[in-house]
């Protein structure tokens, strides 16, 4: 009888874990915006923002939140997929036309990688960030206010050092999904 209970408990735990992983990987996103070249989908989940970026590139895709001017002061997350391995970086806009990794500036990587793919000329990355980070190089995001969102992708090279080939800017209310292309 004890063996049956242990087997039932193990099977129940396995089933729960399997269903949880499927729910995360088949994540439905409440909101999305973009164009034929790049797309941003997201969920607000309590104090976290779940993000999916997809772009028509075999290079990197990225997003920046709330720059003060052009790229300055924005919180950037960029990612690419190389040989099936997903790499992301958390960066900060140090000037109007440049950004550097938070770690290089004394901050930390606060983006949590969920996954990514590169298929048929499209790169997709998924990650989660805190809406209010303790890192000086990550700005707080007010989901009920206007958030400036920068979307971009690099040409077909898997390197964070390459300049963007395409970029677009939106003003977004992350809670409602209302968006305006800038």
N, C-alpha and C. Protein backbone atom coordinates (compact mmCIF):
# COMPACT_ATOMS: atom_id res chain seq x y z
N UNK A 1 0.82 -1.19 0.00
CA UNK A 1 0.00 0.00 0.00
C UNK A 1 0.87 1.26 0.00
N UNK A 2 1.94 1.25 0.79
CA UNK A 2 2.83 2.40 0.86
C UNK A 2 3.51 2.63 -0.49
N UNK A 3 3.91 1.55 -1.15
CA UNK A 3 4.55 1.67 -2.46
C UNK A 3 3.59 2.31 -3.46
N UNK A 4 2.33 1.90 -3.45
CA UNK A 4 1.33 2.49 -4.36
C UNK A 4 1.16 3.98 -4.10
N UNK A 5 1.13 4.37 -2.84
CA UNK A 5 0.98 5.78 -2.50
C UNK A 5 2.18 6.58 -2.99
N UNK A 6 3.38 6.01 -2.83
CA UNK A 6 4.59 6.69 -3.30
C UNK A 6 4.57 6.83 -4.82
N UNK A 7 4.17 5.76 -5.51
CA UNK A 7 4.09 5.81 -6.98
C UNK A 7 3.05 6.85 -7.40
N UNK A 8 1.91 6.86 -6.73
CA UNK A 8 0.86 7.84 -7.05
C UNK A 8 1.36 9.26 -6.80
N UNK A 9 2.09 9.46 -5.72
CA UNK A 9 2.61 10.80 -5.42
C UNK A 9 3.63 11.23 -6.47
N UNK A 10 4.51 10.31 -6.86
CA UNK A 10 5.51 10.63 -7.89
C UNK A 10 4.83 10.94 -9.21
N UNK A 11 3.86 10.12 -9.60
CA UNK A 11 3.14 10.37 -10.85
C UNK A 11 2.38 11.69 -10.81
N UNK A 12 1.77 12.00 -9.68
CA UNK A 12 1.06 13.28 -9.54
C UNK A 12 2.02 14.45 -9.67
N UNK A 13 3.16 14.35 -9.01
CA UNK A 13 4.16 15.43 -9.10
C UNK A 13 4.67 15.57 -10.53
N UNK A 14 4.92 14.46 -11.20
CA UNK A 14 5.39 14.49 -12.59
C UNK A 14 4.34 15.13 -13.49
N UNK A 15 3.09 14.74 -13.32
CA UNK A 15 2.01 15.30 -14.13
C UNK A 15 1.87 16.80 -13.89
N UNK A 16 1.93 17.23 -12.63
CA UNK A 16 1.83 18.65 -12.30
C UNK A 16 2.98 19.42 -12.94
N UNK A 17 4.20 18.90 -12.82
CA UNK A 17 5.37 19.55 -13.39
C UNK A 17 5.27 19.63 -14.90
N UNK A 18 4.85 18.53 -15.54
CA UNK A 18 4.70 18.51 -16.99
C UNK A 18 3.68 19.54 -17.45
N UNK A 19 2.54 19.59 -16.79
CA UNK A 19 1.50 20.56 -17.17
C UNK A 19 1.97 21.99 -16.94
N UNK A 20 2.74 22.22 -15.89
CA UNK A 20 3.27 23.57 -15.63
C UNK A 20 4.22 24.00 -16.73
N UNK A 21 5.11 23.11 -17.16
CA UNK A 21 6.06 23.44 -18.22
C UNK A 21 5.33 23.72 -19.52
N UNK A 22 4.32 22.89 -19.84
CA UNK A 22 3.53 23.12 -21.05
C UNK A 22 2.85 24.47 -20.98
N UNK A 23 2.29 24.83 -19.82
CA UNK A 23 1.60 26.12 -19.69
C UNK A 23 2.56 27.27 -19.90
N UNK A 24 3.79 27.17 -19.40
CA UNK A 24 4.76 28.25 -19.58
C UNK A 24 5.21 28.32 -21.03
N UNK A 25 5.52 27.18 -21.64
CA UNK A 25 6.04 27.21 -23.00
C UNK A 25 4.97 27.51 -24.03
N UNK A 26 3.72 27.28 -23.70
CA UNK A 26 2.63 27.61 -24.63
C UNK A 26 1.99 28.92 -24.21
N UNK A 27 2.79 29.77 -23.59
CA UNK A 27 2.31 31.02 -23.02
C UNK A 27 1.55 31.85 -24.03
N UNK A 28 0.34 32.19 -23.68
CA UNK A 28 -0.46 33.10 -24.48
C UNK A 28 -0.15 34.51 -23.98
N UNK A 29 -0.02 35.42 -24.88
CA UNK A 29 0.26 36.80 -24.50
C UNK A 29 -1.00 37.63 -24.67
N UNK A 30 -1.28 38.45 -23.66
CA UNK A 30 -2.49 39.26 -23.64
C UNK A 30 -2.47 40.35 -24.69
N UNK A 31 -1.31 40.95 -24.91
CA UNK A 31 -1.20 42.09 -25.82
C UNK A 31 -0.06 41.87 -26.81
N UNK A 32 -0.18 42.51 -27.96
CA UNK A 32 0.93 42.50 -28.91
C UNK A 32 0.81 43.68 -29.85
N UNK A 33 1.97 44.07 -30.39
CA UNK A 33 2.02 45.14 -31.38
C UNK A 33 3.22 44.89 -32.27
N UNK A 34 3.28 45.60 -33.35
CA UNK A 34 4.42 45.47 -34.24
C UNK A 34 4.02 45.67 -35.68
N UNK A 35 4.90 45.24 -36.55
CA UNK A 35 4.68 45.38 -37.99
C UNK A 35 5.16 44.10 -38.67
N UNK A 36 5.33 44.15 -39.97
CA UNK A 36 5.74 42.94 -40.71
C UNK A 36 7.18 42.54 -40.42
N UNK A 37 7.96 43.39 -39.75
CA UNK A 37 9.37 43.09 -39.51
C UNK A 37 9.69 42.68 -38.07
N UNK A 38 8.95 43.24 -37.11
CA UNK A 38 9.24 42.95 -35.70
C UNK A 38 7.94 43.00 -34.90
N UNK A 39 7.87 42.15 -33.86
CA UNK A 39 6.67 42.05 -33.06
C UNK A 39 7.04 41.97 -31.58
N UNK A 40 6.22 42.60 -30.74
CA UNK A 40 6.38 42.61 -29.29
C UNK A 40 5.06 42.13 -28.69
N UNK A 41 5.12 41.03 -27.94
CA UNK A 41 3.95 40.51 -27.23
C UNK A 41 4.28 40.48 -25.75
N UNK A 42 3.26 40.70 -24.89
CA UNK A 42 3.54 40.77 -23.46
C UNK A 42 2.32 40.45 -22.60
N UNK A 43 2.65 40.09 -21.37
CA UNK A 43 1.69 39.93 -20.27
C UNK A 43 2.23 40.70 -19.08
N UNK A 44 1.33 41.33 -18.36
CA UNK A 44 1.67 41.88 -17.06
C UNK A 44 1.21 40.84 -16.04
N UNK A 45 2.16 40.35 -15.23
CA UNK A 45 1.87 39.30 -14.26
C UNK A 45 2.33 39.79 -12.89
N UNK A 46 1.44 40.48 -12.19
CA UNK A 46 1.79 41.04 -10.89
C UNK A 46 2.88 42.08 -11.04
N UNK A 47 4.04 41.84 -10.43
CA UNK A 47 5.16 42.79 -10.50
C UNK A 47 6.17 42.42 -11.59
N UNK A 48 5.75 41.56 -12.52
CA UNK A 48 6.64 41.11 -13.61
C UNK A 48 6.02 41.41 -14.97
N UNK A 49 6.91 41.54 -15.96
CA UNK A 49 6.50 41.71 -17.35
C UNK A 49 7.06 40.53 -18.13
N UNK A 50 6.16 39.73 -18.71
CA UNK A 50 6.56 38.61 -19.56
C UNK A 50 6.61 39.12 -20.99
N UNK A 51 7.71 38.89 -21.69
CA UNK A 51 7.94 39.50 -23.00
C UNK A 51 8.32 38.45 -24.04
N UNK A 52 7.80 38.66 -25.23
CA UNK A 52 8.20 37.87 -26.40
C UNK A 52 8.49 38.85 -27.53
N UNK A 53 9.69 38.77 -28.09
CA UNK A 53 10.09 39.61 -29.23
C UNK A 53 10.39 38.68 -30.39
N UNK A 54 9.84 38.99 -31.55
CA UNK A 54 10.17 38.21 -32.75
C UNK A 54 10.49 39.17 -33.89
N UNK A 55 11.55 38.87 -34.62
CA UNK A 55 11.97 39.73 -35.72
C UNK A 55 12.43 38.93 -36.91
N UNK A 56 12.26 39.51 -38.08
CA UNK A 56 12.67 38.88 -39.35
C UNK A 56 14.17 39.03 -39.53
N UNK A 57 14.92 38.26 -38.76
CA UNK A 57 16.38 38.30 -38.81
C UNK A 57 16.94 36.99 -38.30
N UNK A 58 18.16 36.70 -38.70
CA UNK A 58 18.91 35.60 -38.11
C UNK A 58 19.97 36.15 -37.17
N UNK A 59 19.84 37.42 -36.82
CA UNK A 59 20.71 38.08 -35.86
C UNK A 59 19.96 38.29 -34.55
N UNK A 60 20.28 39.37 -33.86
CA UNK A 60 19.67 39.66 -32.57
C UNK A 60 18.35 40.41 -32.74
N UNK A 61 17.49 40.30 -31.73
CA UNK A 61 16.29 41.11 -31.60
C UNK A 61 16.36 41.78 -30.24
N UNK A 62 15.74 42.95 -30.11
CA UNK A 62 15.83 43.64 -28.83
C UNK A 62 14.71 44.60 -28.58
N UNK A 63 14.62 45.00 -27.32
CA UNK A 63 13.62 45.96 -26.88
C UNK A 63 14.27 46.90 -25.88
N UNK A 64 13.85 48.16 -25.90
CA UNK A 64 14.29 49.14 -24.93
C UNK A 64 13.08 49.82 -24.32
N UNK A 65 13.17 50.12 -23.03
CA UNK A 65 12.06 50.75 -22.33
C UNK A 65 12.46 52.13 -21.82
N UNK A 66 11.62 53.10 -22.09
CA UNK A 66 11.67 54.45 -21.51
C UNK A 66 13.00 55.19 -21.64
N UNK A 67 13.46 55.43 -22.86
CA UNK A 67 14.64 56.28 -23.02
C UNK A 67 14.28 57.73 -22.69
N UNK A 68 15.26 58.51 -22.26
CA UNK A 68 15.01 59.94 -22.04
C UNK A 68 15.13 60.70 -23.36
N UNK A 69 16.04 60.23 -24.23
CA UNK A 69 16.22 60.83 -25.56
C UNK A 69 16.89 59.78 -26.44
N UNK A 70 16.24 59.44 -27.55
CA UNK A 70 16.71 58.39 -28.45
C UNK A 70 16.97 57.11 -27.64
N UNK A 71 18.22 56.67 -27.46
CA UNK A 71 18.51 55.46 -26.68
C UNK A 71 18.96 55.75 -25.25
N UNK A 72 19.26 56.99 -24.94
CA UNK A 72 19.81 57.36 -23.62
C UNK A 72 18.85 56.97 -22.50
N UNK A 73 19.40 56.34 -21.48
CA UNK A 73 18.71 55.95 -20.25
C UNK A 73 17.70 54.82 -20.41
N UNK A 74 17.61 54.21 -21.57
CA UNK A 74 16.67 53.10 -21.76
C UNK A 74 17.22 51.82 -21.15
N UNK A 75 16.32 50.98 -20.69
CA UNK A 75 16.65 49.63 -20.25
C UNK A 75 16.47 48.71 -21.45
N UNK A 76 17.55 48.13 -21.96
CA UNK A 76 17.51 47.28 -23.15
C UNK A 76 17.69 45.81 -22.78
N UNK A 77 16.93 44.96 -23.46
CA UNK A 77 17.15 43.53 -23.41
C UNK A 77 17.29 43.08 -24.86
N UNK A 78 18.42 42.45 -25.17
CA UNK A 78 18.68 41.95 -26.52
C UNK A 78 18.95 40.45 -26.42
N UNK A 79 18.62 39.74 -27.50
CA UNK A 79 18.87 38.31 -27.50
C UNK A 79 19.04 37.76 -28.90
N UNK A 80 19.76 36.65 -28.98
CA UNK A 80 19.89 35.93 -30.25
C UNK A 80 19.96 34.44 -29.96
N UNK A 81 19.83 33.66 -31.04
CA UNK A 81 19.91 32.20 -30.94
C UNK A 81 21.02 31.75 -31.88
N UNK A 82 22.00 31.04 -31.33
CA UNK A 82 23.11 30.54 -32.14
C UNK A 82 23.27 29.05 -31.87
N UNK A 83 23.13 28.25 -32.92
CA UNK A 83 23.24 26.79 -32.81
C UNK A 83 22.31 26.25 -31.73
N UNK A 84 21.10 26.81 -31.66
CA UNK A 84 20.10 26.35 -30.71
C UNK A 84 20.22 26.92 -29.31
N UNK A 85 21.30 27.65 -29.03
CA UNK A 85 21.50 28.23 -27.70
C UNK A 85 21.08 29.70 -27.70
N UNK A 86 20.24 30.06 -26.72
CA UNK A 86 19.73 31.42 -26.62
C UNK A 86 20.62 32.22 -25.69
N UNK A 87 21.00 33.41 -26.12
CA UNK A 87 21.79 34.32 -25.29
C UNK A 87 21.02 35.63 -25.18
N UNK A 88 20.95 36.19 -23.97
CA UNK A 88 20.35 37.51 -23.79
C UNK A 88 21.31 38.38 -22.99
N UNK A 89 21.12 39.67 -23.13
CA UNK A 89 21.91 40.63 -22.37
C UNK A 89 21.00 41.76 -21.90
N UNK A 90 21.27 42.25 -20.70
CA UNK A 90 20.54 43.36 -20.10
C UNK A 90 21.47 44.57 -20.18
N UNK A 91 21.04 45.61 -20.89
CA UNK A 91 21.91 46.75 -21.14
C UNK A 91 21.23 48.07 -20.80
N UNK A 92 22.04 49.14 -20.76
CA UNK A 92 21.57 50.47 -20.40
C UNK A 92 22.03 51.48 -21.44
N UNK A 93 21.13 52.37 -21.83
CA UNK A 93 21.46 53.41 -22.81
C UNK A 93 22.36 54.48 -22.20
N UNK A 94 23.65 54.42 -22.51
CA UNK A 94 24.62 55.35 -21.93
C UNK A 94 24.70 56.67 -22.69
N UNK A 95 24.22 56.67 -23.92
CA UNK A 95 24.20 57.90 -24.73
C UNK A 95 23.06 57.79 -25.73
N UNK A 96 22.85 58.83 -26.51
CA UNK A 96 21.72 58.83 -27.44
C UNK A 96 21.84 57.77 -28.52
N UNK A 97 23.03 57.31 -28.79
CA UNK A 97 23.19 56.30 -29.84
C UNK A 97 24.02 55.10 -29.39
N UNK A 98 23.96 54.75 -28.11
CA UNK A 98 24.72 53.60 -27.65
C UNK A 98 24.26 53.08 -26.30
N UNK A 99 24.50 51.79 -26.09
CA UNK A 99 24.18 51.16 -24.82
C UNK A 99 25.28 50.16 -24.46
N UNK A 100 25.36 49.85 -23.16
CA UNK A 100 26.38 48.92 -22.66
C UNK A 100 25.73 47.95 -21.67
N UNK A 101 26.34 46.78 -21.51
CA UNK A 101 25.80 45.81 -20.54
C UNK A 101 25.76 46.40 -19.13
N UNK A 102 24.67 46.13 -18.43
CA UNK A 102 24.53 46.59 -17.04
C UNK A 102 25.73 46.16 -16.20
N UNK A 103 26.17 44.92 -16.36
CA UNK A 103 27.29 44.41 -15.55
C UNK A 103 28.57 45.23 -15.76
N UNK A 104 28.79 45.66 -16.98
CA UNK A 104 29.98 46.47 -17.27
C UNK A 104 29.92 47.82 -16.55
N UNK A 105 28.70 48.29 -16.28
CA UNK A 105 28.50 49.57 -15.62
C UNK A 105 28.40 49.44 -14.10
N UNK A 106 28.46 48.21 -13.59
CA UNK A 106 28.34 47.99 -12.15
C UNK A 106 26.97 47.50 -11.73
N UNK A 107 26.08 47.28 -12.68
CA UNK A 107 24.75 46.76 -12.39
C UNK A 107 24.72 45.25 -12.52
N UNK A 108 23.52 44.72 -12.76
CA UNK A 108 23.38 43.27 -12.89
C UNK A 108 22.40 42.93 -14.00
N UNK A 109 22.48 41.68 -14.47
CA UNK A 109 21.52 41.18 -15.46
C UNK A 109 20.25 40.81 -14.72
N UNK A 110 19.16 41.50 -15.04
CA UNK A 110 17.90 41.25 -14.34
C UNK A 110 16.87 40.54 -15.20
N UNK A 111 17.14 40.32 -16.45
CA UNK A 111 16.20 39.61 -17.32
C UNK A 111 16.36 38.11 -17.11
N UNK A 112 15.24 37.43 -16.98
CA UNK A 112 15.24 35.97 -16.81
C UNK A 112 14.81 35.36 -18.14
N UNK A 113 15.70 34.60 -18.73
CA UNK A 113 15.43 33.97 -20.01
C UNK A 113 14.38 32.88 -19.86
N UNK A 114 13.38 32.90 -20.75
CA UNK A 114 12.36 31.86 -20.80
C UNK A 114 12.66 30.91 -21.95
N UNK A 115 13.08 31.46 -23.09
CA UNK A 115 13.40 30.61 -24.23
C UNK A 115 13.59 31.42 -25.49
N UNK A 116 13.82 30.71 -26.58
CA UNK A 116 14.00 31.38 -27.86
C UNK A 116 14.17 30.37 -28.97
N UNK A 117 13.94 30.85 -30.19
CA UNK A 117 14.10 30.01 -31.38
C UNK A 117 14.61 30.87 -32.53
N UNK A 118 15.18 30.19 -33.50
CA UNK A 118 15.53 30.84 -34.76
C UNK A 118 15.16 29.86 -35.86
N UNK A 119 14.10 30.20 -36.60
CA UNK A 119 13.60 29.32 -37.65
C UNK A 119 13.12 30.15 -38.83
N UNK A 120 13.43 29.67 -40.02
CA UNK A 120 12.92 30.29 -41.25
C UNK A 120 13.18 31.80 -41.31
N UNK A 121 14.35 32.22 -40.86
CA UNK A 121 14.71 33.63 -40.94
C UNK A 121 14.09 34.52 -39.88
N UNK A 122 13.50 33.93 -38.85
CA UNK A 122 12.88 34.69 -37.76
C UNK A 122 13.50 34.29 -36.43
N UNK A 123 13.91 35.28 -35.65
CA UNK A 123 14.45 35.06 -34.31
C UNK A 123 13.40 35.46 -33.29
N UNK A 124 13.19 34.60 -32.30
CA UNK A 124 12.22 34.84 -31.23
C UNK A 124 12.93 34.66 -29.90
N UNK A 125 12.76 35.62 -28.99
CA UNK A 125 13.25 35.45 -27.62
C UNK A 125 12.11 35.75 -26.66
N UNK A 126 12.12 35.05 -25.53
CA UNK A 126 11.13 35.26 -24.48
C UNK A 126 11.86 35.39 -23.15
N UNK A 127 11.43 36.37 -22.36
CA UNK A 127 12.07 36.60 -21.07
C UNK A 127 11.09 37.30 -20.14
N UNK A 128 11.49 37.42 -18.88
CA UNK A 128 10.69 38.09 -17.86
C UNK A 128 11.58 39.11 -17.17
N UNK A 129 11.01 40.30 -16.91
CA UNK A 129 11.72 41.32 -16.14
C UNK A 129 10.81 41.83 -15.02
N UNK A 130 11.44 42.37 -13.98
CA UNK A 130 10.68 43.02 -12.91
C UNK A 130 10.23 44.40 -13.39
N UNK A 131 9.02 44.78 -13.01
CA UNK A 131 8.54 46.11 -13.35
C UNK A 131 9.26 47.18 -12.53
N UNK A 132 9.66 46.82 -11.33
CA UNK A 132 10.42 47.73 -10.47
C UNK A 132 11.69 47.00 -10.05
N UNK A 133 12.79 47.40 -10.63
CA UNK A 133 14.06 46.75 -10.36
C UNK A 133 14.88 47.57 -9.37
N UNK A 134 15.68 46.89 -8.58
CA UNK A 134 16.59 47.58 -7.66
C UNK A 134 17.86 48.03 -8.36
N UNK A 135 18.07 47.57 -9.59
CA UNK A 135 19.26 47.91 -10.36
C UNK A 135 19.16 49.36 -10.86
N UNK A 136 20.18 50.15 -10.60
CA UNK A 136 20.20 51.55 -11.04
C UNK A 136 20.14 51.68 -12.56
N UNK A 137 20.46 50.61 -13.27
CA UNK A 137 20.48 50.66 -14.73
C UNK A 137 19.22 50.07 -15.37
N UNK A 138 18.21 49.83 -14.56
CA UNK A 138 16.90 49.40 -15.06
C UNK A 138 15.85 50.36 -14.53
N UNK A 139 15.17 51.05 -15.43
CA UNK A 139 14.14 51.98 -14.99
C UNK A 139 12.88 51.23 -14.59
N UNK A 140 12.13 51.79 -13.64
CA UNK A 140 10.85 51.22 -13.27
C UNK A 140 9.86 51.45 -14.39
N UNK A 141 8.95 50.51 -14.55
CA UNK A 141 7.94 50.60 -15.60
C UNK A 141 6.58 50.68 -14.94
N UNK A 142 5.83 51.75 -15.24
CA UNK A 142 4.47 51.93 -14.75
C UNK A 142 3.53 51.42 -15.83
N UNK A 143 2.93 50.25 -15.61
CA UNK A 143 2.11 49.64 -16.65
C UNK A 143 0.85 50.45 -16.96
N UNK A 144 0.42 51.29 -16.03
CA UNK A 144 -0.79 52.09 -16.25
C UNK A 144 -0.52 53.41 -16.94
N UNK A 145 0.74 53.78 -17.07
CA UNK A 145 1.10 55.02 -17.75
C UNK A 145 1.64 54.73 -19.14
N UNK A 146 2.12 55.77 -19.79
CA UNK A 146 2.72 55.61 -21.11
C UNK A 146 4.15 55.10 -20.96
N UNK A 147 4.48 54.08 -21.69
CA UNK A 147 5.83 53.52 -21.74
C UNK A 147 6.34 53.66 -23.16
N UNK A 148 7.51 54.24 -23.32
CA UNK A 148 8.13 54.30 -24.64
C UNK A 148 8.87 52.99 -24.85
N UNK A 149 8.57 52.33 -25.96
CA UNK A 149 9.15 51.03 -26.28
C UNK A 149 9.91 51.15 -27.60
N UNK A 150 11.19 50.80 -27.57
CA UNK A 150 12.02 50.75 -28.77
C UNK A 150 12.18 49.29 -29.17
N UNK A 151 11.85 48.96 -30.40
CA UNK A 151 12.05 47.60 -30.92
C UNK A 151 13.07 47.67 -32.03
N UNK A 152 13.96 46.69 -32.08
CA UNK A 152 15.00 46.71 -33.12
C UNK A 152 15.52 45.30 -33.35
N UNK A 153 16.17 45.14 -34.49
CA UNK A 153 16.91 43.91 -34.74
C UNK A 153 18.15 44.20 -35.55
N UNK A 154 19.13 43.32 -35.38
CA UNK A 154 20.39 43.44 -36.11
C UNK A 154 20.37 42.57 -37.36
N UNK A 155 21.28 42.88 -38.26
CA UNK A 155 21.42 42.07 -39.48
C UNK A 155 21.80 40.65 -39.09
N UNK A 156 21.89 39.74 -40.03
CA UNK A 156 22.01 38.32 -39.79
C UNK A 156 23.22 37.81 -39.04
N UNK A 157 23.79 38.54 -38.14
CA UNK A 157 24.96 38.09 -37.37
C UNK A 157 24.60 37.97 -35.90
N UNK A 158 24.96 36.84 -35.29
CA UNK A 158 24.68 36.62 -33.87
C UNK A 158 25.75 37.28 -33.02
N UNK A 159 25.60 38.58 -32.84
CA UNK A 159 26.54 39.36 -32.04
C UNK A 159 25.83 40.59 -31.52
N UNK A 160 26.04 40.89 -30.24
CA UNK A 160 25.44 42.09 -29.66
C UNK A 160 26.19 43.36 -30.08
N UNK A 161 27.30 43.21 -30.76
CA UNK A 161 28.10 44.36 -31.18
C UNK A 161 27.62 44.99 -32.49
N UNK A 162 26.78 44.27 -33.23
CA UNK A 162 26.32 44.82 -34.51
C UNK A 162 25.21 45.83 -34.30
N UNK A 163 25.21 46.87 -35.12
CA UNK A 163 24.20 47.93 -35.06
C UNK A 163 22.87 47.40 -35.59
N UNK A 164 21.79 48.03 -35.15
CA UNK A 164 20.48 47.60 -35.63
C UNK A 164 20.31 47.89 -37.12
N UNK A 165 19.65 46.96 -37.77
CA UNK A 165 19.31 47.11 -39.19
C UNK A 165 17.94 47.76 -39.31
N UNK A 166 17.10 47.53 -38.30
CA UNK A 166 15.73 48.06 -38.30
C UNK A 166 15.37 48.46 -36.88
N UNK A 167 14.65 49.56 -36.75
CA UNK A 167 14.16 49.98 -35.43
C UNK A 167 12.85 50.71 -35.59
N UNK A 168 12.03 50.65 -34.56
CA UNK A 168 10.74 51.34 -34.54
C UNK A 168 10.43 51.70 -33.08
N UNK A 169 9.65 52.75 -32.89
CA UNK A 169 9.35 53.25 -31.55
C UNK A 169 7.84 53.35 -31.37
N UNK A 170 7.37 52.94 -30.18
CA UNK A 170 5.95 53.02 -29.84
C UNK A 170 5.77 53.67 -28.48
N UNK A 171 4.62 54.30 -28.29
CA UNK A 171 4.17 54.72 -26.96
C UNK A 171 3.06 53.74 -26.60
N UNK A 172 3.21 53.05 -25.46
CA UNK A 172 2.33 51.93 -25.12
C UNK A 172 1.82 52.05 -23.70
N UNK A 173 0.56 51.70 -23.49
CA UNK A 173 0.04 51.47 -22.16
C UNK A 173 0.07 49.95 -21.99
N UNK A 174 0.97 49.45 -21.18
CA UNK A 174 1.17 48.01 -21.06
C UNK A 174 -0.01 47.30 -20.40
N UNK A 175 -0.80 48.03 -19.60
CA UNK A 175 -1.97 47.42 -18.95
C UNK A 175 -3.12 47.21 -19.92
N UNK A 176 -3.34 48.18 -20.81
CA UNK A 176 -4.49 48.09 -21.72
C UNK A 176 -4.11 47.60 -23.11
N UNK A 177 -2.86 47.74 -23.48
CA UNK A 177 -2.42 47.38 -24.82
C UNK A 177 -2.55 48.51 -25.83
N UNK A 178 -3.09 49.65 -25.40
CA UNK A 178 -3.22 50.80 -26.31
C UNK A 178 -1.82 51.24 -26.74
N UNK A 179 -1.64 51.45 -28.05
CA UNK A 179 -0.30 51.78 -28.56
C UNK A 179 -0.40 52.76 -29.71
N UNK A 180 0.65 53.56 -29.82
CA UNK A 180 0.75 54.54 -30.90
C UNK A 180 2.18 54.48 -31.44
N UNK A 181 2.31 54.31 -32.75
CA UNK A 181 3.63 54.32 -33.38
C UNK A 181 4.14 55.75 -33.38
N UNK A 182 5.40 55.94 -33.00
CA UNK A 182 5.97 57.29 -32.91
C UNK A 182 6.70 57.64 -34.19
